[in-house]
Amino acid sequence: MDDALPLIFLFLMGLAVLIYVVLDGYDLGVGILLSGADDAQKDRMVASIGPFWDANETWLVLGVGILLIAFPKAHGVILTSLYLPVALMLVGLILRGVAFDFRVKAHAKYKAAWNRAFLGGSLLATWAQGYMIGDYILGFEPGWIAFGFAAFIGCCLIAGYALLGAAWLILKTEEGLHAKAVRWAHRALWMTGAGVAAVSIATPLVSQRIFDKWFSLPELFWTAPVPIAAAALWLWTERTLARMQRGDAAAHWKPFAGAAGLFVLSFLGLAYSMFPYLVVDRLDIWQAASSPEALAVILIGVGITLPAILVYTVYSYKVFWGRAEDLHYD
């Protein structure tokens, strides 16, 4: 049981991070897309995420909290290596949080500035998250090549979140904004695919251990379906968006399902590559974990907190489901 506890916490942490990426990814993506909309459309876009965006960030807090209390050694190594991009992410999240409220209350002449702040905060937070992913994959290696790769992954994540955001708007809006969202999603899908491909190529090259996990026999027969499924899902999503651009009938949930599926498959592939290490080939989950006694106590708290967040999330989406309406603070 003692050896199983780190595995349980690794699963819970991974689940929290994955849910965060998909849920907060789409509302960050909506913020990124603001620059392509007129004033009325900006209001409707912000209204579409109004009931959800703040709660979506709870999953980030849960994931980082589990890392801190369950894997303190890894928390120290990872957060120390990523100190600057983490600070930039927090600045971006704070900026968009302030802008979200102030843009509604501000006088008309200041509203455009707060819209730009919301856009800038969304871009900064997203790029910082992508940079962290790229740096983490390379094992925090120094040098300009590593920096360039991490910066590129940051740009690709901007496209990925824009894809999620556009797919969300396809679900939540109608007419002119809906048509724009289809075009946005179609363009963002290509850059997202480039990012997934870059991560897929770079990860096995970082470590011989990871390379062998993916390309040795008989492991290859078990791992090959992941990239094949990702490529098939990308193609299905591209075809769906192309049909929607032509005006053909298509279920509005399909682009979001395709985008979310790409993130899920990418996450599973990355998790498989890294396991059982939290820092590539340096620190595994058993070396990084807290004592079994501490994990047993912490598990009780997580067992209460996680279901509560899940129930609240499901309930909020059920209550506020449907097409977005104008956001008011009356």
Protein backbone atom coordinates (compact mmCIF):
# COMPACT_ATOMS: atom_id res chain seq x y z
CA MET A 1 0.00 0.00 0.00
CA ASP A 2 2.88 2.37 0.79
CA ASP A 3 4.22 2.02 -2.76
CA ALA A 4 0.74 2.52 -4.20
CA LEU A 5 0.12 5.87 -2.50
CA PRO A 6 2.50 7.85 -4.75
CA LEU A 7 0.79 6.27 -7.77
CA ILE A 8 -2.61 7.37 -6.47
CA PHE A 9 -1.42 10.94 -5.97
CA LEU A 10 0.27 10.97 -9.38
CA PHE A 11 -3.05 9.98 -10.96
CA LEU A 12 -4.98 12.62 -9.00
CA MET A 13 -2.45 15.32 -9.87
CA GLY A 14 -2.51 14.34 -13.54
CA LEU A 15 -6.31 14.35 -13.56
CA ALA A 16 -6.44 17.84 -12.03
CA VAL A 17 -3.90 19.21 -14.52
CA LEU A 18 -5.68 17.63 -17.50
CA ILE A 19 -9.07 19.02 -16.45
CA TYR A 20 -7.46 22.43 -15.93
CA VAL A 21 -5.86 22.43 -19.38
CA VAL A 22 -9.15 21.68 -21.13
CA LEU A 23 -11.43 23.90 -19.03
CA ASP A 24 -9.22 26.91 -18.40
CA GLY A 25 -7.73 26.35 -21.85
CA TYR A 26 -10.97 27.26 -23.59
CA ASP A 27 -11.58 30.40 -21.49
CA LEU A 28 -7.99 31.55 -22.00
CA GLY A 29 -8.57 30.82 -25.67
CA VAL A 30 -11.65 33.04 -25.74
CA GLY A 31 -9.53 35.86 -24.30
CA ILE A 32 -6.87 35.27 -26.97
CA LEU A 33 -9.49 35.56 -29.72
CA LEU A 34 -10.86 38.93 -28.57
CA SER A 35 -8.74 40.86 -31.05
CA GLY A 36 -10.71 39.45 -33.98
CA ALA A 37 -14.16 40.52 -32.74
CA ASP A 38 -16.12 43.77 -32.71
CA ASP A 39 -17.33 45.35 -29.45
CA ALA A 40 -20.69 43.56 -29.34
CA GLN A 41 -19.03 40.23 -30.11
CA LYS A 42 -16.40 40.83 -27.40
CA ASP A 43 -19.20 41.23 -24.85
CA ARG A 44 -20.84 38.00 -25.99
CA MET A 45 -17.51 36.14 -25.92
CA VAL A 46 -16.76 37.24 -22.37
CA ALA A 47 -20.33 36.40 -21.38
CA SER A 48 -19.85 32.85 -22.69
CA ILE A 49 -17.13 32.19 -20.09
CA GLY A 50 -18.53 34.42 -17.33
CA PRO A 51 -20.06 31.69 -15.12
CA PHE A 52 -17.10 29.32 -15.50
CA TRP A 53 -13.69 30.96 -15.87
CA ASP A 54 -12.91 31.61 -12.21
CA ALA A 55 -13.90 28.10 -11.11
CA ASN A 56 -11.85 26.56 -13.93
CA GLU A 57 -8.67 27.88 -12.32
CA THR A 58 -9.47 25.87 -9.17
CA TRP A 59 -8.11 22.81 -10.95
CA LEU A 60 -4.71 24.48 -11.34
CA VAL A 61 -4.63 25.22 -7.61
CA LEU A 62 -5.53 21.60 -6.86
CA GLY A 63 -2.87 20.20 -9.20
CA VAL A 64 -0.08 22.42 -7.87
CA GLY A 65 -1.27 21.80 -4.30
CA ILE A 66 -0.97 18.03 -4.76
CA LEU A 67 2.52 18.50 -6.23
CA LEU A 68 3.52 20.58 -3.19
CA ILE A 69 2.18 18.34 -0.45
CA ALA A 70 2.55 14.89 -2.04
CA PHE A 71 5.82 15.38 -3.97
CA PRO A 72 7.68 18.19 -2.16
CA LYS A 73 11.11 17.32 -3.59
CA ALA A 74 9.81 17.49 -7.15
CA HIS A 75 7.93 20.68 -6.33
CA GLY A 76 11.20 22.28 -5.25
CA VAL A 77 13.08 21.25 -8.39
CA ILE A 78 10.29 22.10 -10.85
CA LEU A 79 9.20 25.42 -9.37
CA THR A 80 12.79 26.56 -8.88
CA SER A 81 13.59 25.82 -12.53
CA LEU A 82 10.37 27.47 -13.73
CA TYR A 83 10.36 30.45 -11.37
CA LEU A 84 10.23 33.13 -14.08
CA PRO A 85 7.57 31.58 -16.35
CA VAL A 86 5.43 30.78 -13.28
CA ALA A 87 5.67 34.44 -12.23
CA LEU A 88 4.72 35.53 -15.76
CA MET A 89 1.75 33.14 -15.74
CA LEU A 90 0.52 34.54 -12.44
CA VAL A 91 0.86 38.11 -13.74
CA GLY A 92 -1.18 37.15 -16.78
CA LEU A 93 -3.90 35.43 -14.73
CA ILE A 94 -4.13 38.39 -12.34
CA LEU A 95 -4.27 40.87 -15.21
CA ARG A 96 -7.10 39.06 -16.98
CA GLY A 97 -8.98 38.60 -13.70
CA VAL A 98 -8.89 42.33 -13.01
CA ALA A 99 -9.73 43.18 -16.62
CA PHE A 100 -12.70 40.79 -16.62
CA ASP A 101 -14.48 42.81 -13.93
CA PHE A 102 -13.26 46.30 -14.84
CA ARG A 103 -14.19 46.08 -18.52
CA VAL A 104 -17.86 45.86 -17.54
CA LYS A 105 -17.79 48.73 -15.03
CA ALA A 106 -15.43 51.06 -16.90
CA HIS A 107 -16.57 54.10 -18.85
CA ALA A 108 -16.83 53.54 -22.60
CA LYS A 109 -13.54 55.32 -23.35
CA TYR A 110 -11.64 52.90 -21.06
CA LYS A 111 -13.37 49.70 -22.10
CA ALA A 112 -11.06 49.12 -25.08
CA ALA A 113 -8.03 49.34 -22.78
CA TRP A 114 -9.47 46.74 -20.43
CA ASN A 115 -10.27 44.51 -23.41
CA ARG A 116 -6.62 44.75 -24.44
CA ALA A 117 -5.59 43.94 -20.87
CA PHE A 118 -7.82 40.85 -20.91
CA LEU A 119 -6.29 39.81 -24.24
CA GLY A 120 -2.74 40.50 -23.04
CA GLY A 121 -3.24 38.60 -19.79
CA SER A 122 -4.64 35.62 -21.67
CA LEU A 123 -1.72 35.60 -24.12
CA LEU A 124 0.90 35.97 -21.38
CA ALA A 125 -0.56 33.24 -19.14
CA THR A 126 -0.93 30.83 -22.06
CA TRP A 127 2.54 31.42 -23.50
CA ALA A 128 4.08 30.98 -20.04
CA GLN A 129 2.29 27.65 -19.60
CA GLY A 130 3.50 26.46 -22.99
CA TYR A 131 7.04 27.57 -22.21
CA MET A 132 6.90 25.57 -18.97
CA ILE A 133 5.78 22.47 -20.86
CA GLY A 134 8.62 22.80 -23.36
CA ASP A 135 11.22 23.42 -20.66
CA TYR A 136 9.90 20.50 -18.59
CA ILE A 137 10.05 18.10 -21.55
CA LEU A 138 13.72 18.96 -22.12
CA GLY A 139 14.53 18.40 -18.45
CA PHE A 140 15.24 22.10 -17.79
CA GLU A 141 18.32 22.03 -20.00
CA PRO A 142 20.03 25.44 -20.36
CA GLY A 143 20.94 27.02 -23.70
CA TRP A 144 19.39 28.89 -26.60
CA ILE A 145 18.16 25.76 -28.37
CA ALA A 146 16.18 24.71 -25.29
CA PHE A 147 14.87 28.26 -24.88
CA GLY A 148 13.82 28.39 -28.53
CA PHE A 149 12.00 25.06 -28.28
CA ALA A 150 10.18 26.10 -25.11
CA ALA A 151 9.24 29.46 -26.64
CA PHE A 152 7.92 27.67 -29.75
CA ILE A 153 5.79 25.33 -27.63
CA GLY A 154 4.45 28.45 -25.87
CA CYS A 155 3.30 29.81 -29.25
CA CYS A 156 1.78 26.45 -30.17
CA LEU A 157 -0.14 26.35 -26.88
CA ILE A 158 -1.56 29.78 -27.72
CA ALA A 159 -2.90 28.19 -30.91
CA GLY A 160 -4.14 25.16 -28.95
CA TYR A 161 -6.04 27.27 -26.45
CA ALA A 162 -7.37 29.42 -29.30
CA LEU A 163 -8.67 26.19 -30.86
CA LEU A 164 -10.41 25.24 -27.61
CA GLY A 165 -11.77 28.78 -27.24
CA ALA A 166 -13.09 28.90 -30.79
CA ALA A 167 -14.66 25.45 -30.40
CA TRP A 168 -16.30 26.69 -27.19
CA LEU A 169 -17.73 29.70 -29.06
CA ILE A 170 -19.10 27.36 -31.73
CA LEU A 171 -21.06 25.69 -28.94
CA LYS A 172 -22.18 28.89 -27.20
CA THR A 173 -22.85 31.48 -29.93
CA GLU A 174 -24.85 32.00 -33.11
CA GLU A 175 -24.76 33.73 -36.51
CA GLY A 176 -21.84 36.11 -37.19
CA LEU A 177 -19.74 35.22 -34.16
CA HIS A 178 -20.40 31.53 -34.71
CA ALA A 179 -19.09 31.79 -38.29
CA LYS A 180 -15.99 33.64 -37.10
CA ALA A 181 -15.37 30.98 -34.47
CA VAL A 182 -15.40 28.27 -37.14
CA ARG A 183 -12.75 30.14 -39.14
CA TRP A 184 -10.66 30.78 -36.03
CA ALA A 185 -10.81 27.12 -35.04
CA HIS A 186 -9.80 25.93 -38.51
CA ARG A 187 -6.71 28.18 -38.57
CA ALA A 188 -5.70 27.36 -34.98
CA LEU A 189 -5.97 23.62 -35.62
CA TRP A 190 -2.94 23.66 -37.93
CA MET A 191 -0.62 25.36 -35.46
CA THR A 192 -1.92 23.09 -32.71
CA GLY A 193 -1.02 20.09 -34.82
CA ALA A 194 2.49 21.50 -35.28
CA GLY A 195 2.90 21.80 -31.52
CA VAL A 196 1.70 18.25 -30.88
CA ALA A 197 4.09 16.97 -33.54
CA ALA A 198 7.02 18.94 -32.07
CA VAL A 199 6.42 17.54 -28.58
CA SER A 200 6.00 14.02 -29.98
CA ILE A 201 9.32 14.24 -31.83
CA ALA A 202 11.31 15.96 -29.09
CA THR A 203 10.23 13.81 -26.14
CA PRO A 204 11.82 10.50 -27.28
CA LEU A 205 15.00 12.36 -28.27
CA VAL A 206 15.48 13.73 -24.75
CA SER A 207 16.09 10.35 -23.17
CA GLN A 208 17.13 6.92 -24.40
CA ARG A 209 14.77 5.46 -21.81
CA ILE A 210 11.82 7.32 -23.33
CA PHE A 211 12.91 6.38 -26.87
CA ASP A 212 12.99 2.70 -25.91
CA LYS A 213 9.55 2.92 -24.26
CA TRP A 214 8.04 4.13 -27.54
CA PHE A 215 9.97 2.25 -30.21
CA SER A 216 11.13 -1.04 -28.72
CA LEU A 217 9.25 -4.27 -29.31
CA PRO A 218 6.76 -5.35 -28.06
CA GLU A 219 6.05 -1.88 -26.53
CA LEU A 220 5.60 -0.40 -30.00
CA PHE A 221 2.39 -2.39 -30.49
CA TRP A 222 0.91 -0.79 -27.36
CA THR A 223 2.12 2.77 -27.97
CA ALA A 224 1.50 3.12 -31.71
CA PRO A 225 -2.29 3.57 -31.32
CA VAL A 226 -1.77 6.86 -29.41
CA PRO A 227 -0.17 8.88 -32.25
CA ILE A 228 -2.34 7.13 -34.82
CA ALA A 229 -5.48 8.07 -32.87
CA ALA A 230 -4.23 11.66 -32.48
CA ALA A 231 -3.59 11.98 -36.22
CA ALA A 232 -7.01 10.49 -37.03
CA LEU A 233 -8.73 12.82 -34.56
CA TRP A 234 -6.90 15.84 -35.99
CA LEU A 235 -8.03 14.88 -39.49
CA TRP A 236 -11.63 14.31 -38.33
CA THR A 237 -11.69 17.72 -36.63
CA GLU A 238 -10.20 19.41 -39.71
CA ARG A 239 -12.81 17.83 -41.98
CA THR A 240 -15.61 18.81 -39.58
CA LEU A 241 -14.49 22.44 -39.48
CA ALA A 242 -14.02 22.53 -43.26
CA ARG A 243 -17.60 21.32 -43.74
CA MET A 244 -18.89 23.90 -41.27
CA GLN A 245 -17.05 26.65 -43.16
CA ARG A 246 -18.81 25.58 -46.35
CA GLY A 247 -22.13 25.83 -44.54
CA ASP A 248 -22.77 22.10 -44.33
CA ALA A 249 -24.70 20.85 -41.33
CA ALA A 250 -22.55 19.48 -38.51
CA ALA A 251 -23.12 18.97 -34.80
CA HIS A 252 -21.78 21.95 -32.90
CA TRP A 253 -20.20 19.77 -30.21
CA LYS A 254 -17.84 18.03 -32.62
CA PRO A 255 -15.06 20.69 -32.84
CA PHE A 256 -14.84 20.98 -29.06
CA ALA A 257 -14.81 17.21 -28.66
CA GLY A 258 -12.06 16.96 -31.28
CA ALA A 259 -9.97 19.72 -29.69
CA ALA A 260 -10.36 18.31 -26.18
CA GLY A 261 -9.54 14.83 -27.47
CA LEU A 262 -6.28 16.07 -28.99
CA PHE A 263 -5.25 17.52 -25.62
CA VAL A 264 -6.22 14.32 -23.81
CA LEU A 265 -4.23 12.09 -26.19
CA SER A 266 -1.23 14.43 -26.05
CA PHE A 267 -1.38 14.41 -22.25
CA LEU A 268 -1.57 10.61 -22.13
CA GLY A 269 1.39 10.30 -24.48
CA LEU A 270 3.47 12.72 -22.40
CA ALA A 271 2.47 11.02 -19.15
CA TYR A 272 3.49 7.63 -20.54
CA SER A 273 6.84 9.05 -21.69
CA MET A 274 7.69 10.58 -18.32
CA PHE A 275 6.44 7.81 -16.01
CA PRO A 276 7.67 7.07 -13.38
CA TYR A 277 9.79 10.25 -13.33
CA LEU A 278 8.56 13.67 -12.28
CA VAL A 279 11.84 15.22 -13.49
CA VAL A 280 13.21 13.49 -16.59
CA ASP A 281 15.58 10.69 -15.54
CA ARG A 282 16.43 12.50 -12.30
CA LEU A 283 13.63 12.13 -9.76
CA ASP A 284 10.91 9.49 -9.78
CA ILE A 285 7.62 9.58 -7.90
CA TRP A 286 8.82 7.37 -5.03
CA GLN A 287 11.94 9.46 -4.46
CA ALA A 288 9.92 12.68 -4.55
CA ALA A 289 6.97 11.53 -2.43
CA SER A 290 6.19 12.49 1.13
CA SER A 291 6.24 9.80 3.81
CA PRO A 292 3.53 7.11 3.58
CA GLU A 293 2.01 8.34 6.85
CA ALA A 294 1.72 11.90 5.51
CA LEU A 295 0.28 10.69 2.19
CA ALA A 296 -2.35 8.63 4.00
CA VAL A 297 -3.55 11.71 5.91
CA ILE A 298 -3.38 13.95 2.82
CA LEU A 299 -5.45 11.42 0.87
CA ILE A 300 -8.36 11.99 3.26
CA GLY A 301 -8.33 15.71 2.48
CA VAL A 302 -8.06 15.14 -1.25
CA GLY A 303 -10.84 12.56 -1.03
CA ILE A 304 -13.12 15.30 0.31
CA THR A 305 -11.89 18.18 -1.85
CA LEU A 306 -11.80 16.51 -5.26
CA PRO A 307 -15.42 15.22 -5.27
CA ALA A 308 -16.63 18.62 -4.02
CA ILE A 309 -14.91 20.42 -6.91
CA LEU A 310 -16.20 17.84 -9.39
CA VAL A 311 -19.79 18.19 -8.16
CA TYR A 312 -19.61 21.98 -8.26
CA THR A 313 -18.10 21.94 -11.76
CA VAL A 314 -20.75 19.60 -13.16
CA TYR A 315 -23.55 21.55 -11.45
CA SER A 316 -22.34 24.94 -12.74
CA TYR A 317 -22.11 23.68 -16.31
CA LYS A 318 -25.57 22.16 -16.05
CA VAL A 319 -27.10 25.39 -14.74
CA PHE A 320 -25.43 27.70 -17.26
CA TRP A 321 -25.54 25.44 -20.30
CA GLY A 322 -26.97 26.78 -23.54
CA ARG A 323 -26.25 29.77 -25.76
CA ALA A 324 -24.46 32.70 -24.14
CA GLU A 325 -26.38 35.85 -23.30
CA ASP A 326 -25.08 39.34 -22.57
CA LEU A 327 -23.17 39.61 -19.30
CA HIS A 328 -24.59 42.02 -16.71
CA TYR A 329 -23.44 43.18 -13.29
CA ASP A 330 -26.71 44.75 -12.11
